[in-house]
């Protein structure tokens, strides 16, 4: 298989984060000879675009997919799952979807409506969110326990300092397509997640082709980068 034919792993970050969060995982993928690309959604990380909405985020990823002349394993973390669900529709080069403790939406669903349809479950994230004017931010005092409970504590302050505002529109817009219905998918459930409760993960994982479990927090790309890289490498290698 030539370089242009081998799958490229494209990783899409979740709410409040940026492409920076994938650094450890990408290093592990590099060491395995697996190419990857991390994308900043508008207004996040190094992006100079204004903050947008779910449809704009998905359009950015869809445009990238259409420019890539090779098969793609498309990975979404948390809110990024909603993005890849919409973005992969109509992109014929997506070979596999990976939902990394992520939202798996059906047509017409929003992140908020899906959560409201599931049994109530308390998470630390609900306490960490600070509601602003059209956006939410994360209380830095609670961010560690909500996102990085099993990550290297030396790296956590730098992660928290990079967190940015997240528009409400990303949680309240419905997807108009559900790519997981036609593309093979894997759900990676994380049992110690304090942002998306495991019972909610399980309900969404039931929509996917395969399910894999990691005993870790909401950030397996940082807390278990070796194990997460192995999962993605196996998928990329078929």
C-alpha atoms as a PDB file:
ATOM      1  CA  UNK A   1       0.000   0.000   0.000  1.00  0.00           C
ATOM      2  CA  UNK A   2       1.435   3.378  -1.001  1.00  0.00           C
ATOM      3  CA  UNK A   3       1.512   6.423   1.277  1.00  0.00           C
ATOM      4  CA  UNK A   4      -1.416   7.920  -0.628  1.00  0.00           C
ATOM      5  CA  UNK A   5      -3.437   4.714  -0.134  1.00  0.00           C
ATOM      6  CA  UNK A   6      -2.650   4.074   3.546  1.00  0.00           C
ATOM      7  CA  UNK A   7      -5.283   5.492   5.895  1.00  0.00           C
ATOM      8  CA  UNK A   8      -4.682   8.877   7.459  1.00  0.00           C
ATOM      9  CA  UNK A   9      -6.044   9.274  10.974  1.00  0.00           C
ATOM     10  CA  UNK A  10      -7.809  12.638  11.296  1.00  0.00           C
ATOM     11  CA  UNK A  11      -8.578  13.592  14.896  1.00  0.00           C
ATOM     12  CA  UNK A  12     -11.222  16.147  15.891  1.00  0.00           C
ATOM     13  CA  UNK A  13     -11.109  17.599  19.386  1.00  0.00           C
ATOM     14  CA  UNK A  14     -14.032  18.154  21.728  1.00  0.00           C
ATOM     15  CA  UNK A  15     -15.524  21.245  23.322  1.00  0.00           C
ATOM     16  CA  UNK A  16     -13.245  23.830  24.935  1.00  0.00           C
ATOM     17  CA  UNK A  17     -10.150  22.065  23.569  1.00  0.00           C
ATOM     18  CA  UNK A  18      -7.957  22.328  20.479  1.00  0.00           C
ATOM     19  CA  UNK A  19      -5.673  20.247  18.297  1.00  0.00           C
ATOM     20  CA  UNK A  20      -3.031  20.610  21.036  1.00  0.00           C
ATOM     21  CA  UNK A  21      -4.772  17.941  23.144  1.00  0.00           C
ATOM     22  CA  UNK A  22      -3.744  15.169  20.731  1.00  0.00           C
ATOM     23  CA  UNK A  23       0.036  15.679  21.041  1.00  0.00           C
ATOM     24  CA  UNK A  24       0.814  12.577  23.134  1.00  0.00           C
ATOM     25  CA  UNK A  25      -1.387  10.365  21.016  1.00  0.00           C
ATOM     26  CA  UNK A  26       0.113  11.634  17.763  1.00  0.00           C
ATOM     27  CA  UNK A  27       3.592  10.943  19.099  1.00  0.00           C
ATOM     28  CA  UNK A  28       2.560   7.344  19.780  1.00  0.00           C
ATOM     29  CA  UNK A  29       1.036   7.041  16.312  1.00  0.00           C
ATOM     30  CA  UNK A  30       4.223   8.448  14.775  1.00  0.00           C
ATOM     31  CA  UNK A  31       6.272   5.788  16.528  1.00  0.00           C
ATOM     32  CA  UNK A  32       4.063   3.157  14.907  1.00  0.00           C
ATOM     33  CA  UNK A  33       4.374   4.667  11.450  1.00  0.00           C
ATOM     34  CA  UNK A  34       0.716   5.709  11.434  1.00  0.00           C
ATOM     35  CA  UNK A  35       0.167   9.184   9.925  1.00  0.00           C
ATOM     36  CA  UNK A  36      -2.265  11.509  11.658  1.00  0.00           C
ATOM     37  CA  UNK A  37      -3.628  15.025  11.359  1.00  0.00           C
ATOM     38  CA  UNK A  38      -5.136  17.077  14.189  1.00  0.00           C
ATOM     39  CA  UNK A  39      -7.468  19.927  13.285  1.00  0.00           C
ATOM     40  CA  UNK A  40      -8.374  23.075  15.217  1.00  0.00           C
ATOM     41  CA  UNK A  41     -12.086  23.806  14.964  1.00  0.00           C
ATOM     42  CA  UNK A  42     -12.938  27.483  14.340  1.00  0.00           C
ATOM     43  CA  UNK A  43     -11.944  29.706  17.247  1.00  0.00           C
ATOM     44  CA  UNK A  44     -10.111  26.938  19.082  1.00  0.00           C
ATOM     45  CA  UNK A  45      -6.401  26.331  19.593  1.00  0.00           C
ATOM     46  CA  UNK A  46      -4.411  28.178  16.940  1.00  0.00           C
ATOM     47  CA  UNK A  47      -7.438  28.926  14.734  1.00  0.00           C
ATOM     48  CA  UNK A  48      -7.881  32.613  13.902  1.00  0.00           C
ATOM     49  CA  UNK A  49     -11.462  32.088  12.719  1.00  0.00           C
ATOM     50  CA  UNK A  50     -14.348  33.265  14.903  1.00  0.00           C
ATOM     51  CA  UNK A  51     -16.161  30.769  17.091  1.00  0.00           C
ATOM     52  CA  UNK A  52     -18.942  29.136  15.117  1.00  0.00           C
ATOM     53  CA  UNK A  53     -21.539  26.394  15.417  1.00  0.00           C
ATOM     54  CA  UNK A  54     -21.887  22.667  14.810  1.00  0.00           C
ATOM     55  CA  UNK A  55     -22.694  23.070  11.128  1.00  0.00           C
ATOM     56  CA  UNK A  56     -19.687  25.325  10.574  1.00  0.00           C
ATOM     57  CA  UNK A  57     -17.392  22.964  12.450  1.00  0.00           C
ATOM     58  CA  UNK A  58     -18.637  20.019  10.395  1.00  0.00           C
ATOM     59  CA  UNK A  59     -18.282  21.956   7.144  1.00  0.00           C
ATOM     60  CA  UNK A  60     -14.632  22.650   7.966  1.00  0.00           C
ATOM     61  CA  UNK A  61     -13.925  18.943   8.489  1.00  0.00           C
ATOM     62  CA  UNK A  62     -15.983  17.913   5.457  1.00  0.00           C
ATOM     63  CA  UNK A  63     -14.006  20.321   3.283  1.00  0.00           C
ATOM     64  CA  UNK A  64     -10.754  18.860   4.584  1.00  0.00           C
ATOM     65  CA  UNK A  65     -11.922  15.306   3.887  1.00  0.00           C
ATOM     66  CA  UNK A  66     -12.820  16.186   0.319  1.00  0.00           C
ATOM     67  CA  UNK A  67      -9.320  17.571  -0.266  1.00  0.00           C
ATOM     68  CA  UNK A  68      -7.573  14.454   1.015  1.00  0.00           C
ATOM     69  CA  UNK A  69      -6.710  11.986  -1.732  1.00  0.00           C
ATOM     70  CA  UNK A  70      -6.526   8.943   0.548  1.00  0.00           C
ATOM     71  CA  UNK A  71      -8.709   6.887   2.910  1.00  0.00           C
ATOM     72  CA  UNK A  72      -9.327   8.385   6.342  1.00  0.00           C
ATOM     73  CA  UNK A  73     -10.025   7.025   9.805  1.00  0.00           C
ATOM     74  CA  UNK A  74     -12.013   9.890  11.325  1.00  0.00           C
ATOM     75  CA  UNK A  75     -11.822  10.224  15.113  1.00  0.00           C
ATOM     76  CA  UNK A  76     -14.019  12.477  17.238  1.00  0.00           C
ATOM     77  CA  UNK A  77     -13.601  13.118  20.948  1.00  0.00           C
ATOM     78  CA  UNK A  78     -16.585  14.166  23.072  1.00  0.00           C
ATOM     79  CA  UNK A  79     -18.406  16.970  21.163  1.00  0.00           C
ATOM     80  CA  UNK A  80     -16.142  16.067  18.237  1.00  0.00           C
ATOM     81  CA  UNK A  81     -18.305  12.979  17.801  1.00  0.00           C
ATOM     82  CA  UNK A  82     -21.200  15.193  16.741  1.00  0.00           C
ATOM     83  CA  UNK A  83     -18.876  16.952  14.297  1.00  0.00           C
ATOM     84  CA  UNK A  84     -17.647  13.770  12.589  1.00  0.00           C
ATOM     85  CA  UNK A  85     -21.188  12.373  12.440  1.00  0.00           C
ATOM     86  CA  UNK A  86     -22.189  15.299  10.239  1.00  0.00           C
ATOM     87  CA  UNK A  87     -18.855  15.873   8.496  1.00  0.00           C
ATOM     88  CA  UNK A  88     -18.362  12.345   7.144  1.00  0.00           C
ATOM     89  CA  UNK A  89     -21.652  12.397   5.249  1.00  0.00           C
ATOM     90  CA  UNK A  90     -20.910  12.672   1.540  1.00  0.00           C
ATOM     91  CA  UNK A  91     -17.159  12.215   2.006  1.00  0.00           C
ATOM     92  CA  UNK A  92     -16.485   8.953   0.224  1.00  0.00           C
ATOM     93  CA  UNK A  93     -12.974   8.462   1.588  1.00  0.00           C
ATOM     94  CA  UNK A  94     -13.911   7.891   5.254  1.00  0.00           C
ATOM     95  CA  UNK A  95     -13.195   4.223   5.922  1.00  0.00           C
ATOM     96  CA  UNK A  96     -13.990   4.167   9.649  1.00  0.00           C
ATOM     97  CA  UNK A  97     -15.423   6.413  12.352  1.00  0.00           C
ATOM     98  CA  UNK A  98     -14.031   6.321  15.890  1.00  0.00           C
ATOM     99  CA  UNK A  99     -16.037   7.835  18.741  1.00  0.00           C
ATOM    100  CA  UNK A 100     -13.652   8.448  21.622  1.00  0.00           C
ATOM    101  CA  UNK A 101     -16.032   8.802  24.577  1.00  0.00           C
ATOM    102  CA  UNK A 102     -18.017  10.946  22.179  1.00  0.00           C
ATOM    103  CA  UNK A 103     -21.510  11.944  21.119  1.00  0.00           C
ATOM    104  CA  UNK A 104     -23.127   9.722  18.485  1.00  0.00           C
ATOM    105  CA  UNK A 105     -26.102  11.694  17.172  1.00  0.00           C
ATOM    106  CA  UNK A 106     -28.928  10.591  14.894  1.00  0.00           C
ATOM    107  CA  UNK A 107     -30.557  12.849  12.311  1.00  0.00           C
ATOM    108  CA  UNK A 108     -32.406  15.687  14.001  1.00  0.00           C
ATOM    109  CA  UNK A 109     -30.696  15.217  17.361  1.00  0.00           C
ATOM    110  CA  UNK A 110     -28.569  17.789  19.163  1.00  0.00           C
ATOM    111  CA  UNK A 111     -26.059  17.199  21.937  1.00  0.00           C
ATOM    112  CA  UNK A 112     -28.534  18.762  24.386  1.00  0.00           C
ATOM    113  CA  UNK A 113     -31.597  16.879  23.164  1.00  0.00           C
ATOM    114  CA  UNK A 114     -29.761  13.556  23.231  1.00  0.00           C
ATOM    115  CA  UNK A 115     -28.598  14.141  26.793  1.00  0.00           C
ATOM    116  CA  UNK A 116     -32.122  15.136  27.819  1.00  0.00           C
ATOM    117  CA  UNK A 117     -33.515  11.937  26.293  1.00  0.00           C
ATOM    118  CA  UNK A 118     -31.269   9.737  28.424  1.00  0.00           C
ATOM    119  CA  UNK A 119     -31.649   8.905  32.129  1.00  0.00           C
ATOM    120  CA  UNK A 120     -30.223  11.630  34.398  1.00  0.00           C
ATOM    121  CA  UNK A 121     -26.615  11.071  35.448  1.00  0.00           C
ATOM    122  CA  UNK A 122     -24.426  13.455  37.439  1.00  0.00           C
ATOM    123  CA  UNK A 123     -20.967  14.384  36.194  1.00  0.00           C
ATOM    124  CA  UNK A 124     -18.363  16.837  37.407  1.00  0.00           C
ATOM    125  CA  UNK A 125     -18.561  18.610  34.053  1.00  0.00           C
ATOM    126  CA  UNK A 126     -22.022  19.949  34.865  1.00  0.00           C
ATOM    127  CA  UNK A 127     -20.533  21.649  37.929  1.00  0.00           C
ATOM    128  CA  UNK A 128     -17.449  22.884  36.068  1.00  0.00           C
ATOM    129  CA  UNK A 129     -19.307  24.703  33.270  1.00  0.00           C
ATOM    130  CA  UNK A 130     -19.598  28.475  33.619  1.00  0.00           C
ATOM    131  CA  UNK A 131     -22.422  29.929  31.541  1.00  0.00           C
ATOM    132  CA  UNK A 132     -21.708  33.201  29.731  1.00  0.00           C
ATOM    133  CA  UNK A 133     -23.228  35.256  26.915  1.00  0.00           C
ATOM    134  CA  UNK A 134     -23.698  32.697  24.158  1.00  0.00           C
ATOM    135  CA  UNK A 135     -20.719  30.641  25.309  1.00  0.00           C
ATOM    136  CA  UNK A 136     -19.619  28.472  28.185  1.00  0.00           C
ATOM    137  CA  UNK A 137     -16.222  28.211  29.826  1.00  0.00           C
ATOM    138  CA  UNK A 138     -14.713  25.785  32.321  1.00  0.00           C
ATOM    139  CA  UNK A 139     -13.922  26.579  35.945  1.00  0.00           C
ATOM    140  CA  UNK A 140     -10.146  26.029  36.130  1.00  0.00           C
ATOM    141  CA  UNK A 141     -10.486  24.747  39.682  1.00  0.00           C
ATOM    142  CA  UNK A 142     -12.710  21.886  38.513  1.00  0.00           C
ATOM    143  CA  UNK A 143     -11.207  21.203  35.090  1.00  0.00           C
ATOM    144  CA  UNK A 144      -8.700  18.639  36.349  1.00  0.00           C
ATOM    145  CA  UNK A 145     -11.298  16.377  37.920  1.00  0.00           C
ATOM    146  CA  UNK A 146     -13.778  16.832  35.053  1.00  0.00           C
ATOM    147  CA  UNK A 147     -11.354  16.147  32.189  1.00  0.00           C
ATOM    148  CA  UNK A 148      -7.931  14.963  33.357  1.00  0.00           C
ATOM    149  CA  UNK A 149      -8.431  12.858  36.496  1.00  0.00           C
ATOM    150  CA  UNK A 150      -5.906  10.193  35.452  1.00  0.00           C
ATOM    151  CA  UNK A 151      -3.582  12.318  33.345  1.00  0.00           C
ATOM    152  CA  UNK A 152      -0.067  13.384  34.289  1.00  0.00           C
ATOM    153  CA  UNK A 153      -0.655  16.065  36.963  1.00  0.00           C
ATOM    154  CA  UNK A 154       2.439  17.925  35.783  1.00  0.00           C
ATOM    155  CA  UNK A 155       0.827  18.502  32.374  1.00  0.00           C
ATOM    156  CA  UNK A 156      -2.652  19.388  33.601  1.00  0.00           C
ATOM    157  CA  UNK A 157      -2.022  23.099  34.370  1.00  0.00           C
ATOM    158  CA  UNK A 158      -0.844  23.669  30.792  1.00  0.00           C
ATOM    159  CA  UNK A 159      -3.920  21.891  29.454  1.00  0.00           C
ATOM    160  CA  UNK A 160      -6.249  23.958  31.603  1.00  0.00           C
ATOM    161  CA  UNK A 161      -4.549  27.187  30.498  1.00  0.00           C
ATOM    162  CA  UNK A 162      -5.311  26.308  26.842  1.00  0.00           C
ATOM    163  CA  UNK A 163      -9.058  25.747  27.330  1.00  0.00           C
ATOM    164  CA  UNK A 164     -11.203  28.251  25.437  1.00  0.00           C
ATOM    165  CA  UNK A 165     -14.885  29.305  25.315  1.00  0.00           C
ATOM    166  CA  UNK A 166     -17.390  26.994  23.621  1.00  0.00           C
ATOM    167  CA  UNK A 167     -20.442  28.380  21.773  1.00  0.00           C
ATOM    168  CA  UNK A 168     -23.889  27.156  22.866  1.00  0.00           C
ATOM    169  CA  UNK A 169     -24.787  26.701  19.194  1.00  0.00           C
ATOM    170  CA  UNK A 170     -22.455  23.715  18.981  1.00  0.00           C
ATOM    171  CA  UNK A 171     -24.638  21.898  21.512  1.00  0.00           C
ATOM    172  CA  UNK A 172     -28.047  23.057  20.268  1.00  0.00           C
ATOM    173  CA  UNK A 173     -27.854  22.541  16.498  1.00  0.00           C
ATOM    174  CA  UNK A 174     -29.161  19.234  15.091  1.00  0.00           C
ATOM    175  CA  UNK A 175     -27.159  17.061  12.747  1.00  0.00           C
ATOM    176  CA  UNK A 176     -28.782  16.526   9.360  1.00  0.00           C
ATOM    177  CA  UNK A 177     -26.938  13.288   8.590  1.00  0.00           C
ATOM    178  CA  UNK A 178     -25.723  10.326  10.611  1.00  0.00           C
ATOM    179  CA  UNK A 179     -22.648   8.883   8.914  1.00  0.00           C
ATOM    180  CA  UNK A 180     -22.368   5.999  11.386  1.00  0.00           C
ATOM    181  CA  UNK A 181     -25.378   4.399   9.695  1.00  0.00           C
ATOM    182  CA  UNK A 182     -23.360   3.702   6.543  1.00  0.00           C
ATOM    183  CA  UNK A 183     -19.710   3.775   7.683  1.00  0.00           C
ATOM    184  CA  UNK A 184     -18.159   1.168  10.058  1.00  0.00           C
ATOM    185  CA  UNK A 185     -17.627   2.648  13.516  1.00  0.00           C
ATOM    186  CA  UNK A 186     -15.938   1.975  16.827  1.00  0.00           C
ATOM    187  CA  UNK A 187     -16.931   3.432  20.185  1.00  0.00           C
ATOM    188  CA  UNK A 188     -14.231   3.727  22.853  1.00  0.00           C
ATOM    189  CA  UNK A 189     -15.969   3.909  26.217  1.00  0.00           C
ATOM    190  CA  UNK A 190     -14.063   5.286  29.207  1.00  0.00           C
ATOM    191  CA  UNK A 191     -15.245   3.961  32.544  1.00  0.00           C
ATOM    192  CA  UNK A 192     -13.838   6.752  34.756  1.00  0.00           C
ATOM    193  CA  UNK A 193     -15.146   9.611  32.593  1.00  0.00           C
ATOM    194  CA  UNK A 194     -16.449  12.562  34.645  1.00  0.00           C
ATOM    195  CA  UNK A 195     -17.654  14.522  31.602  1.00  0.00           C
ATOM    196  CA  UNK A 196     -19.844  11.970  29.794  1.00  0.00           C
ATOM    197  CA  UNK A 197     -21.320   9.426  32.188  1.00  0.00           C
ATOM    198  CA  UNK A 198     -20.628   5.797  31.365  1.00  0.00           C
ATOM    199  CA  UNK A 199     -24.353   4.999  31.184  1.00  0.00           C
ATOM    200  CA  UNK A 200     -24.734   7.673  28.517  1.00  0.00           C
ATOM    201  CA  UNK A 201     -21.678   6.371  26.703  1.00  0.00           C
ATOM    202  CA  UNK A 202     -23.197   2.909  26.626  1.00  0.00           C
ATOM    203  CA  UNK A 203     -26.450   4.123  25.092  1.00  0.00           C
ATOM    204  CA  UNK A 204     -24.523   5.885  22.326  1.00  0.00           C
ATOM    205  CA  UNK A 205     -22.065   3.027  21.875  1.00  0.00           C
ATOM    206  CA  UNK A 206     -24.997   0.765  20.998  1.00  0.00           C
ATOM    207  CA  UNK A 207     -25.243   2.686  17.723  1.00  0.00           C
ATOM    208  CA  UNK A 208     -21.710   1.726  16.689  1.00  0.00           C
ATOM    209  CA  UNK A 209     -20.358  -1.382  14.965  1.00  0.00           C
ATOM    210  CA  UNK A 210     -17.714  -2.172  17.610  1.00  0.00           C
ATOM    211  CA  UNK A 211     -17.192  -1.195  21.247  1.00  0.00           C
ATOM    212  CA  UNK A 212     -13.867  -1.064  23.136  1.00  0.00           C
ATOM    213  CA  UNK A 213     -13.398  -0.205  26.826  1.00  0.00           C
ATOM    214  CA  UNK A 214     -10.609   1.742  28.498  1.00  0.00           C
ATOM    215  CA  UNK A 215     -10.464   2.159  32.266  1.00  0.00           C
ATOM    216  CA  UNK A 216      -9.627   5.839  32.236  1.00  0.00           C
ATOM    217  CA  UNK A 217     -10.902   9.420  32.314  1.00  0.00           C
ATOM    218  CA  UNK A 218     -12.385  11.744  29.672  1.00  0.00           C
ATOM    219  CA  UNK A 219      -8.976  12.263  28.022  1.00  0.00           C
ATOM    220  CA  UNK A 220      -7.651   8.842  26.965  1.00  0.00           C
ATOM    221  CA  UNK A 221      -5.425  10.522  24.351  1.00  0.00           C
ATOM    222  CA  UNK A 222      -3.448  11.888  27.311  1.00  0.00           C
ATOM    223  CA  UNK A 223      -4.071   9.446  30.165  1.00  0.00           C
ATOM    224  CA  UNK A 224      -3.706   6.271  28.048  1.00  0.00           C
ATOM    225  CA  UNK A 225      -1.990   7.389  24.824  1.00  0.00           C
ATOM    226  CA  UNK A 226      -0.303   4.026  24.217  1.00  0.00           C
ATOM    227  CA  UNK A 227      -3.530   2.041  24.478  1.00  0.00           C
ATOM    228  CA  UNK A 228      -5.480   4.582  22.447  1.00  0.00           C
ATOM    229  CA  UNK A 229      -2.814   4.594  19.743  1.00  0.00           C
ATOM    230  CA  UNK A 230      -2.932   0.797  19.584  1.00  0.00           C
ATOM    231  CA  UNK A 231      -6.688   0.904  19.023  1.00  0.00           C
ATOM    232  CA  UNK A 232      -6.350   3.407  16.195  1.00  0.00           C
ATOM    233  CA  UNK A 233      -3.378   1.590  14.676  1.00  0.00           C
ATOM    234  CA  UNK A 234      -5.325  -1.670  14.519  1.00  0.00           C
ATOM    235  CA  UNK A 235      -8.220   0.086  12.806  1.00  0.00           C
ATOM    236  CA  UNK A 236      -5.915   1.881  10.352  1.00  0.00           C
ATOM    237  CA  UNK A 237      -4.165  -1.385   9.465  1.00  0.00           C
ATOM    238  CA  UNK A 238      -7.480  -3.112   8.909  1.00  0.00           C
END
